[in-house]
Amino acid sequence: MRDYRPLYHEEKPMNKKTAKGLKIAAISVAGVLAAALFFVGGFFTYRLTMDEGLRSLLWFKEQIDDHYYQDISDEDFWQAAIDGVENILDDYSFYYSADEYDVRQNSNVGVYDGLGLSFFSNTNMIYKVSIGSPVFFAQSAAGERAEAGMYLTGIGESEDSLKDTFTASALSEEISGLTLGTSYVLRLSRSAANDTEDCILLSATFSTYTESYVLYATKNDTYAQLFGDPYYGEWTRVGDGMEELEEGEGYIRLVQFTGGMISGGAIGSFGLAAEQFKEDGCDTLLLDLRNNGGGNLYVLMGIAQYLIAGDGLLSVLYAGDGADRVSYNINGTLFDDYFSNSEIYVMANSNTASASEALMGAMLHYGTIDYDDIYLVKAGGASDAPARTYGKGIMQTTYTNRVTGEAATLTTARIYWPDGTTCIQGRGITSEDGAHRIDATTNADYGDPALSEILASIRAE
């Protein structure tokens, strides 16, 4: 279940065309194979028994090599061929060169090179400050911090050398030129993409960091798991609490379902948050899945153990149809240890996708929540359309080439909730199902007024 977010991520661009680069090693392997076949006298037989499409592609390449008025490198030709195949697949299926796959593997355990800011697609508006990143700890002279909903309007090595980043293209250009170990001044606006006056200035060093995927807060304290190395972190108080909360209310923001089974993954961090919730004596949990695009199926199952009740073998979801259907199960749960006497509410929006939606489906099926306990934030103001989650009911599997290091992620099955029939592909969870609708300007309004509105609604019930 590959995560999908229609967002621009500074530290991990997930664009099919980000890098030229079919590895020359792969082409060399093909060349060695062809030479060996020729040596034993079978080359022409091999060529004639090739798939017709592959034979035509090789013939076309030969004509280009011999007659085209410009030189097309082997690397560019094969990358273009792969790009063309990607274009007939769905938006969740990708080819990765060996270098791209290495980057992805690092991101799966939360290791990035960067500042820690992610932006909404085609904008300079922040949708996430990565927990544990350089910017997460940065403060202005007045103690202000970067927040979702702010705009990054300038960046430079000093206040005097700030370059404007009013547009996505300008932002991308400046970010691509940043170097590891260098400190940068960031100019952040609360109100406009081209603001240079009503701004705060932060300083942060472009560096390697490990992101944490869970933030826990009460009225008095905020906690996260912070890492001295990529795999082991400590549960740490990282700041004062959230003033919007009241005594007895606990807030958990689950950023992404990733990190595998290591202690630094989302499962381990969520378990620490559950322990803190219990220690704090809270009886109301607000689970924030806004802008959570999903992630790994096994991380989903690990977190589901905390949020669904039951004994024995419990299905979290089904994948596939007919004889190919597979049930993904957990054996008993931890729900009674942490949340059995609590009221639980879930926040989501149109960027809540994949594993997030599957978790909500499992919580609904096993009675942890009802639709009336779900709050869907709808960006864009008044509209007759219902509020909804993204609507991703398909899963992906990654296959690797051990010889070359490249990989392919392909959509392999539809997924269904534990009832065996509900698939939210293309539909999502909506306010028409009975969930609350909360209107907002964007999916990350500065100051998070949607959170305040949701809390007021919960307390009024």
Protein backbone atom coordinates (compact mmCIF):
# COMPACT_ATOMS: atom_id res chain seq x y z
CA MET A 1 0.00 0.00 0.00
CA ARG A 2 2.14 2.82 -1.27
CA ASP A 3 1.53 6.25 0.19
CA TYR A 4 0.04 8.83 -2.13
CA ARG A 5 -0.06 12.55 -1.49
CA PRO A 6 -0.73 15.07 -4.22
CA LEU A 7 1.89 17.29 -2.63
CA TYR A 8 5.36 18.58 -3.28
CA HIS A 9 7.78 17.26 -0.68
CA GLU A 10 11.03 19.17 -0.41
CA GLU A 11 13.09 16.29 0.93
CA LYS A 12 11.58 13.48 -1.16
CA PRO A 13 10.22 14.55 -4.55
CA MET A 14 8.00 11.72 -5.79
CA ASN A 15 7.88 12.68 -9.46
CA LYS A 16 8.05 10.07 -12.20
CA LYS A 17 10.37 12.26 -14.25
CA THR A 18 12.67 13.59 -11.52
CA ALA A 19 15.81 11.85 -12.70
CA LYS A 20 17.14 10.65 -16.00
CA GLY A 21 18.90 7.53 -15.35
CA LEU A 22 18.36 4.01 -16.49
CA LYS A 23 21.55 2.53 -15.14
CA ILE A 24 24.24 1.88 -17.78
CA ALA A 25 24.89 -1.33 -15.87
CA ALA A 26 21.52 -2.67 -17.02
CA ILE A 27 22.37 -1.89 -20.65
CA SER A 28 25.79 -3.49 -20.18
CA VAL A 29 24.16 -6.68 -18.85
CA ALA A 30 22.00 -6.81 -21.98
CA GLY A 31 25.10 -6.29 -24.13
CA VAL A 32 27.00 -9.10 -22.40
CA LEU A 33 24.02 -11.41 -22.84
CA ALA A 34 23.79 -10.61 -26.56
CA ALA A 35 27.54 -11.19 -27.04
CA ALA A 36 27.36 -14.56 -25.31
CA LEU A 37 24.46 -15.63 -27.49
CA PHE A 38 26.37 -14.57 -30.60
CA PHE A 39 29.44 -16.50 -29.46
CA VAL A 40 27.51 -19.77 -29.31
CA GLY A 41 25.90 -19.13 -32.68
CA GLY A 42 22.45 -18.40 -31.38
CA PHE A 43 22.27 -14.62 -31.60
CA PHE A 44 20.11 -14.43 -34.72
CA THR A 45 17.80 -17.12 -33.42
CA TYR A 46 17.50 -15.15 -30.20
CA ARG A 47 16.72 -11.95 -32.09
CA LEU A 48 14.06 -13.61 -34.23
CA THR A 49 12.35 -15.24 -31.25
CA MET A 50 12.13 -11.98 -29.29
CA ASP A 51 8.76 -10.53 -28.50
CA GLU A 52 7.61 -8.63 -31.59
CA GLY A 53 7.28 -5.36 -29.71
CA LEU A 54 10.79 -5.58 -28.27
CA ARG A 55 12.21 -6.45 -31.68
CA SER A 56 10.50 -3.39 -33.16
CA LEU A 57 11.80 -1.18 -30.37
CA LEU A 58 15.37 -2.34 -30.96
CA TRP A 59 14.98 -1.81 -34.71
CA PHE A 60 13.66 1.71 -34.09
CA LYS A 61 16.64 2.44 -31.84
CA GLU A 62 19.03 1.28 -34.57
CA GLN A 63 17.42 3.65 -37.09
CA ILE A 64 17.74 6.53 -34.66
CA ASP A 65 21.37 5.67 -33.95
CA ASP A 66 22.19 5.46 -37.66
CA HIS A 67 20.11 8.22 -39.21
CA TYR A 68 18.69 10.76 -36.74
CA TYR A 69 20.24 14.20 -37.19
CA GLN A 70 21.01 14.57 -33.49
CA ASP A 71 22.73 12.14 -31.13
CA ILE A 72 20.42 10.37 -28.68
CA SER A 73 22.34 8.61 -25.95
CA ASP A 74 21.50 5.06 -24.96
CA GLU A 75 20.64 6.32 -21.48
CA ASP A 76 18.17 8.91 -22.80
CA PHE A 77 16.57 6.45 -25.21
CA TRP A 78 15.91 3.76 -22.62
CA GLN A 79 14.70 6.29 -20.05
CA ALA A 80 12.24 7.66 -22.61
CA ALA A 81 11.02 4.12 -23.28
CA ILE A 82 10.43 3.56 -19.57
CA ASP A 83 8.70 6.93 -19.26
CA GLY A 84 6.38 5.94 -22.07
CA VAL A 85 5.42 2.70 -20.33
CA GLU A 86 4.82 4.57 -17.06
CA ASN A 87 2.36 6.81 -18.89
CA ILE A 88 0.01 3.89 -19.62
CA LEU A 89 0.00 2.78 -15.96
CA ASP A 90 -1.96 4.36 -13.12
CA ASP A 91 -0.61 7.23 -11.02
CA TYR A 92 0.64 4.88 -8.31
CA SER A 93 2.92 2.71 -10.46
CA PHE A 94 6.55 3.77 -10.86
CA TYR A 95 9.93 2.72 -12.17
CA TYR A 96 12.90 3.55 -9.93
CA SER A 97 16.50 3.68 -11.05
CA ALA A 98 18.95 2.25 -8.52
CA ASP A 99 19.76 5.73 -7.18
CA GLU A 100 16.08 6.66 -6.89
CA TYR A 101 15.33 3.40 -5.08
CA ASP A 102 18.14 4.09 -2.60
CA VAL A 103 16.52 7.45 -1.82
CA ARG A 104 13.18 5.75 -1.35
CA GLN A 105 14.66 3.14 0.99
CA ASN A 106 16.13 5.90 3.14
CA SER A 107 12.81 7.73 3.21
CA ASN A 108 11.07 4.54 4.35
CA VAL A 109 12.96 4.82 7.64
CA GLY A 110 12.52 8.58 7.74
CA VAL A 111 16.07 9.60 6.80
CA TYR A 112 16.28 12.78 4.72
CA ASP A 113 18.72 15.45 3.65
CA GLY A 114 17.03 18.81 4.02
CA LEU A 115 15.50 21.47 6.22
CA GLY A 116 12.25 19.68 7.07
CA LEU A 117 9.65 21.68 5.14
CA SER A 118 7.13 20.21 2.72
CA PHE A 119 4.85 22.23 0.47
CA PHE A 120 1.51 21.92 -1.25
CA SER A 121 1.79 21.17 -4.95
CA ASN A 122 2.68 24.18 -7.13
CA THR A 123 2.85 26.57 -4.18
CA ASN A 124 5.24 27.89 -1.55
CA MET A 125 2.69 27.10 1.18
CA ILE A 126 3.86 24.74 3.92
CA TYR A 127 1.74 21.68 4.58
CA LYS A 128 4.14 20.00 7.00
CA VAL A 129 7.10 20.73 9.25
CA SER A 130 8.80 17.35 9.72
CA ILE A 131 9.03 16.33 13.37
CA GLY A 132 12.68 16.21 14.43
CA SER A 133 13.95 18.20 11.45
CA PRO A 134 16.16 21.33 11.59
CA VAL A 135 13.19 23.66 11.03
CA PHE A 136 11.15 21.84 13.70
CA PHE A 137 13.55 23.19 16.34
CA ALA A 138 14.16 26.62 14.78
CA GLN A 139 12.73 29.71 16.47
CA SER A 140 12.63 33.38 15.62
CA ALA A 141 14.05 36.02 17.94
CA ALA A 142 10.57 36.29 19.48
CA GLY A 143 10.24 32.53 19.94
CA GLU A 144 7.95 31.90 16.93
CA ARG A 145 8.17 28.68 14.96
CA ALA A 146 7.36 27.52 11.43
CA GLU A 147 3.84 26.11 11.07
CA ALA A 148 1.67 24.52 8.44
CA GLY A 149 -0.21 27.20 6.53
CA MET A 150 2.73 29.62 6.45
CA TYR A 151 4.42 30.60 3.18
CA LEU A 152 8.16 30.38 2.60
CA THR A 153 8.74 33.66 0.80
CA GLY A 154 12.53 33.86 0.91
CA ILE A 155 15.69 31.89 1.60
CA GLY A 156 19.39 32.79 1.73
CA GLU A 157 22.61 32.30 3.64
CA SER A 158 21.99 35.59 5.44
CA GLU A 159 19.17 38.07 5.93
CA ASP A 160 20.84 40.39 3.41
CA SER A 161 21.07 37.70 0.72
CA LEU A 162 17.48 36.43 0.81
CA LYS A 163 16.15 35.25 -2.57
CA ASP A 164 12.41 35.54 -3.14
CA THR A 165 10.54 32.23 -3.34
CA PHE A 166 7.07 33.49 -4.19
CA THR A 167 6.34 30.73 -6.72
CA ALA A 168 6.80 26.96 -6.80
CA SER A 169 9.40 27.23 -9.57
CA ALA A 170 11.42 29.85 -7.68
CA LEU A 171 11.17 27.76 -4.52
CA SER A 172 12.31 24.61 -6.31
CA GLU A 173 15.24 26.43 -7.88
CA GLU A 174 16.48 27.78 -4.56
CA ILE A 175 16.01 24.49 -2.70
CA SER A 176 17.89 22.55 -5.38
CA GLY A 177 20.93 24.74 -4.73
CA LEU A 178 21.12 24.15 -0.97
CA THR A 179 24.10 22.24 0.40
CA LEU A 180 24.57 19.94 3.38
CA GLY A 181 26.05 21.56 6.46
CA THR A 182 25.15 25.12 5.46
CA SER A 183 22.88 27.32 7.57
CA TYR A 184 20.13 29.30 5.89
CA VAL A 185 17.81 32.11 6.86
CA LEU A 186 14.15 31.45 6.07
CA ARG A 187 11.54 34.17 5.65
CA LEU A 188 8.05 32.95 6.52
CA SER A 189 4.75 34.75 6.10
CA ARG A 190 1.51 33.98 7.87
CA SER A 191 -0.66 35.59 5.23
CA ALA A 192 0.57 35.73 1.61
CA ALA A 193 2.79 33.93 -0.90
CA ASN A 194 4.65 37.14 -1.83
CA ASP A 195 4.77 38.82 1.57
CA THR A 196 8.08 40.34 2.68
CA GLU A 197 6.89 42.58 5.53
CA ASP A 198 4.69 40.70 8.03
CA CYS A 199 7.16 37.81 8.33
CA ILE A 200 9.28 35.91 10.79
CA LEU A 201 12.91 34.93 10.21
CA LEU A 202 14.32 31.56 11.22
CA SER A 203 17.76 30.04 10.86
CA ALA A 204 18.19 26.33 10.12
CA THR A 205 21.01 24.11 8.85
CA PHE A 206 20.49 21.92 5.80
CA SER A 207 21.40 18.53 7.24
CA THR A 208 20.63 14.82 7.47
CA TYR A 209 17.86 14.09 9.95
CA THR A 210 15.42 11.33 10.90
CA GLU A 211 11.76 12.27 10.84
CA SER A 212 9.37 11.16 13.55
CA TYR A 213 5.84 10.34 12.41
CA VAL A 214 3.86 10.88 15.59
CA LEU A 215 3.27 14.03 17.65
CA TYR A 216 1.43 13.79 20.97
CA ALA A 217 0.08 16.77 22.89
CA THR A 218 -2.06 17.69 25.87
CA LYS A 219 -2.96 21.06 27.32
CA ASN A 220 0.39 21.24 29.10
CA ASP A 221 2.97 19.23 27.12
CA THR A 222 4.01 18.11 23.65
CA TYR A 223 6.04 14.94 23.03
CA ALA A 224 7.74 13.21 20.10
CA GLN A 225 10.34 10.54 19.55
CA LEU A 226 13.66 12.17 18.66
CA PHE A 227 16.56 10.32 17.08
CA GLY A 228 20.29 10.32 17.61
CA ASP A 229 20.59 7.83 14.76
CA PRO A 230 18.11 6.58 12.13
CA TYR A 231 16.88 3.60 14.15
CA TYR A 232 16.69 4.43 17.84
CA GLY A 233 15.06 7.44 19.40
CA GLU A 234 13.93 8.66 22.78
CA TRP A 235 10.49 9.87 23.80
CA THR A 236 11.11 13.53 24.54
CA ARG A 237 9.13 16.53 25.72
CA VAL A 238 9.58 18.95 22.83
CA GLY A 239 7.51 21.91 23.99
CA ASP A 240 4.53 23.30 25.83
CA GLY A 241 1.10 21.89 25.18
CA MET A 242 -1.66 22.97 22.80
CA GLU A 243 -3.67 25.85 24.21
CA GLU A 244 -6.76 24.66 22.33
CA LEU A 245 -6.94 21.49 24.46
CA GLU A 246 -8.56 21.07 27.86
CA GLU A 247 -7.66 18.75 30.73
CA GLY A 248 -8.31 15.12 29.84
CA GLU A 249 -7.95 15.67 26.09
CA GLY A 250 -5.05 14.09 24.21
CA TYR A 251 -4.07 14.81 20.62
CA ILE A 252 -2.11 12.43 18.36
CA ARG A 253 -1.03 13.53 14.91
CA LEU A 254 -0.08 10.53 12.78
CA VAL A 255 1.91 11.88 9.85
CA GLN A 256 2.51 8.74 7.80
CA PHE A 257 2.44 4.95 8.04
CA THR A 258 6.12 4.22 7.57
CA GLY A 259 9.32 3.16 9.31
CA GLY A 260 8.64 -0.58 9.24
CA MET A 261 8.92 -2.52 12.47
CA ILE A 262 11.94 -0.62 13.81
CA SER A 263 11.60 1.33 17.06
CA GLY A 264 11.87 4.56 15.11
CA GLY A 265 8.92 3.78 12.90
CA ALA A 266 5.37 5.00 13.28
CA ILE A 267 4.37 1.86 15.21
CA GLY A 268 6.93 2.43 17.94
CA SER A 269 6.18 6.14 18.18
CA PHE A 270 2.43 5.52 18.32
CA GLY A 271 2.95 3.02 21.14
CA LEU A 272 4.89 5.63 23.12
CA ALA A 273 2.10 8.15 22.53
CA ALA A 274 -0.45 5.60 23.76
CA GLU A 275 1.63 5.05 26.92
CA GLN A 276 1.78 8.81 27.51
CA PHE A 277 -1.98 9.17 26.93
CA LYS A 278 -2.58 6.53 29.60
CA GLU A 279 -0.03 8.04 32.02
CA ASP A 280 -1.61 11.47 31.62
CA GLY A 281 -5.03 10.05 32.56
CA CYS A 282 -6.70 11.33 29.40
CA ASP A 283 -10.16 10.11 28.42
CA THR A 284 -10.63 11.86 25.07
CA LEU A 285 -8.40 11.16 22.05
CA LEU A 286 -8.32 13.30 18.93
CA LEU A 287 -6.54 11.36 16.17
CA ASP A 288 -5.37 13.70 13.41
CA LEU A 289 -5.00 11.99 10.02
CA ARG A 290 -5.21 15.15 7.93
CA ASN A 291 -2.73 15.19 5.03
CA ASN A 292 -1.67 11.62 5.86
CA GLY A 293 -1.28 9.92 2.49
CA GLY A 294 -0.81 6.42 3.89
CA GLY A 295 2.23 4.19 3.67
CA ASN A 296 3.16 0.64 4.56
CA LEU A 297 0.55 -2.08 5.05
CA TYR A 298 2.39 -3.70 7.97
CA VAL A 299 2.74 -0.37 9.77
CA LEU A 300 -1.02 0.05 9.35
CA MET A 301 -1.58 -3.35 10.97
CA GLY A 302 0.74 -2.48 13.87
CA ILE A 303 -1.09 0.77 14.61
CA ALA A 304 -4.50 -0.88 14.16
CA GLN A 305 -3.63 -3.10 17.14
CA TYR A 306 -3.97 -0.03 19.36
CA LEU A 307 -7.17 1.31 17.82
CA ILE A 308 -9.50 -1.66 17.30
CA ALA A 309 -10.92 -3.94 19.98
CA GLY A 310 -11.15 -7.71 19.87
CA ASP A 311 -9.54 -11.04 20.61
CA GLY A 312 -8.25 -13.77 18.34
CA LEU A 313 -7.58 -13.38 14.64
CA LEU A 314 -9.00 -10.09 13.32
CA SER A 315 -8.93 -8.95 9.71
CA VAL A 316 -7.68 -5.40 9.16
CA LEU A 317 -8.36 -5.53 5.42
CA TYR A 318 -8.67 -7.80 2.39
CA ALA A 319 -6.67 -7.45 -0.81
CA GLY A 320 -7.74 -8.83 -4.17
CA ASP A 321 -10.81 -10.67 -5.39
CA GLY A 322 -11.97 -14.23 -5.79
CA ALA A 323 -9.41 -16.99 -5.38
CA ASP A 324 -6.60 -14.41 -5.20
CA ARG A 325 -8.05 -12.64 -2.15
CA VAL A 326 -5.69 -12.31 0.83
CA SER A 327 -6.74 -11.41 4.37
CA TYR A 328 -4.33 -9.30 6.44
CA ASN A 329 -4.90 -10.17 10.08
CA ILE A 330 -3.73 -9.28 13.56
CA ASN A 331 -3.91 -11.65 16.52
CA GLY A 332 -5.62 -9.76 19.28
CA THR A 333 -5.26 -6.07 20.10
CA LEU A 334 -3.87 -3.62 22.64
CA PHE A 335 -6.96 -1.41 22.64
CA ASP A 336 -8.14 -2.33 26.14
CA ASP A 337 -4.74 -1.45 27.61
CA TYR A 338 -4.87 2.17 26.44
CA PHE A 339 -8.15 3.44 25.00
CA SER A 340 -11.05 1.21 26.13
CA ASN A 341 -12.63 3.87 28.36
CA SER A 342 -11.93 6.80 26.04
CA GLU A 343 -13.94 8.77 23.54
CA ILE A 344 -12.10 8.72 20.20
CA TYR A 345 -12.52 11.19 17.33
CA VAL A 346 -10.78 11.28 13.97
CA MET A 347 -9.84 14.30 11.84
CA ALA A 348 -9.31 13.84 8.09
CA ASN A 349 -9.39 15.75 4.80
CA SER A 350 -9.08 15.26 1.05
CA ASN A 351 -5.38 14.39 1.42
CA THR A 352 -6.18 11.58 3.88
CA ALA A 353 -5.56 8.49 1.76
CA SER A 354 -4.69 4.83 1.48
CA ALA A 355 -3.60 3.34 4.84
CA SER A 356 -5.30 6.23 6.67
CA GLU A 357 -8.61 5.38 5.06
CA ALA A 358 -8.08 1.67 5.72
CA LEU A 359 -7.42 2.41 9.41
CA MET A 360 -10.61 4.45 9.61
CA GLY A 361 -12.49 1.58 7.94
CA ALA A 362 -11.20 -0.92 10.50
CA MET A 363 -12.07 1.43 13.38
CA LEU A 364 -15.59 1.80 12.00
CA HIS A 365 -16.01 -1.94 11.45
CA TYR A 366 -14.90 -2.92 14.96
CA GLY A 367 -16.86 -0.15 16.67
CA THR A 368 -14.02 2.06 17.90
CA ILE A 369 -15.76 4.99 16.20
CA ASP A 370 -18.99 5.76 14.37
CA TYR A 371 -19.26 8.05 11.35
CA ASP A 372 -20.46 10.73 13.78
CA ASP A 373 -17.00 10.63 15.40
CA ILE A 374 -15.26 11.59 12.14
CA TYR A 375 -14.59 15.24 11.23
CA LEU A 376 -13.81 15.90 7.57
CA VAL A 377 -12.19 19.25 6.80
CA LYS A 378 -13.20 20.50 3.35
CA ALA A 379 -10.93 23.06 1.71
CA GLY A 380 -12.24 25.64 -0.71
CA GLY A 381 -15.16 27.26 1.04
CA ALA A 382 -18.85 26.71 0.44
CA SER A 383 -19.81 24.01 -2.05
CA ASP A 384 -22.61 21.52 -2.60
CA ALA A 385 -20.03 18.72 -2.85
CA PRO A 386 -19.60 16.63 0.30
CA ALA A 387 -16.44 16.69 2.37
CA ARG A 388 -14.42 13.55 1.75
CA THR A 389 -11.17 11.70 2.16
CA TYR A 390 -9.05 11.03 -0.91
CA GLY A 391 -10.54 7.70 -1.94
CA LYS A 392 -7.66 5.26 -2.53
CA GLY A 393 -8.75 1.65 -2.32
CA ILE A 394 -5.91 -0.05 -4.16
CA MET A 395 -2.53 -1.36 -3.00
CA GLN A 396 0.93 -1.39 -4.51
CA THR A 397 3.78 -3.91 -4.39
CA THR A 398 7.45 -3.14 -5.07
CA TYR A 399 9.63 -5.56 -7.07
CA THR A 400 13.40 -5.18 -7.14
CA ASN A 401 16.08 -6.18 -9.66
CA ARG A 402 18.91 -7.57 -7.53
CA VAL A 403 21.37 -7.37 -10.41
CA THR A 404 20.97 -3.66 -11.20
CA GLY A 405 19.39 -2.27 -8.01
CA GLU A 406 16.41 -0.82 -9.88
CA ALA A 407 12.81 -1.40 -8.80
CA ALA A 408 9.21 -1.17 -9.96
CA THR A 409 6.21 -0.32 -7.81
CA LEU A 410 2.98 -1.58 -9.38
CA THR A 411 -0.68 -1.53 -8.41
CA THR A 412 -1.52 -5.17 -7.68
CA ALA A 413 -4.95 -5.34 -6.01
CA ARG A 414 -8.08 -3.58 -4.83
CA ILE A 415 -8.41 -3.45 -1.05
CA TYR A 416 -11.55 -3.95 1.03
CA TRP A 417 -12.52 -3.13 4.58
CA PRO A 418 -12.96 -5.98 7.12
CA ASP A 419 -16.58 -6.46 6.00
CA GLY A 420 -15.12 -7.89 2.80
CA THR A 421 -17.17 -5.72 0.46
CA THR A 422 -16.45 -2.01 1.07
CA CYS A 423 -13.85 -0.52 -1.28
CA ILE A 424 -13.52 3.27 -1.18
CA GLN A 425 -11.53 3.61 -4.43
CA GLY A 426 -12.54 6.87 -6.12
CA ARG A 427 -15.11 7.68 -3.42
CA GLY A 428 -13.48 7.97 -0.01
CA ILE A 429 -15.26 8.45 3.29
CA THR A 430 -17.67 11.36 2.97
CA SER A 431 -19.91 13.63 5.00
CA GLU A 432 -22.83 11.92 3.24
CA ASP A 433 -21.95 8.82 5.28
CA GLY A 434 -22.71 10.77 8.46
CA ALA A 435 -19.30 12.32 9.18
CA HIS A 436 -19.13 15.99 10.21
CA ARG A 437 -18.14 18.56 7.62
CA ILE A 438 -15.82 21.40 8.65
CA ASP A 439 -15.18 24.10 6.05
CA ALA A 440 -11.74 25.65 5.66
CA THR A 441 -9.89 27.84 3.19
CA THR A 442 -7.10 25.31 2.57
CA ASN A 443 -5.99 21.91 3.88
CA ALA A 444 -3.54 23.64 6.24
CA ASP A 445 -4.90 27.03 7.31
CA TYR A 446 -2.44 28.98 9.47
CA GLY A 447 -3.33 28.71 13.15
CA ASP A 448 -5.50 25.65 12.47
CA PRO A 449 -8.96 27.16 13.04
CA ALA A 450 -10.50 23.84 11.97
CA LEU A 451 -9.05 22.17 15.07
CA SER A 452 -10.66 24.74 17.33
CA GLU A 453 -14.02 24.28 15.57
CA ILE A 454 -13.83 20.51 15.89
CA LEU A 455 -12.99 20.66 19.59
CA ALA A 456 -15.91 23.03 20.19
CA SER A 457 -18.23 20.61 18.39
CA ILE A 458 -16.98 17.64 20.44
CA ARG A 459 -17.45 19.48 23.74
CA ALA A 460 -20.93 20.60 22.74
CA GLU A 461 -22.17 17.04 22.21
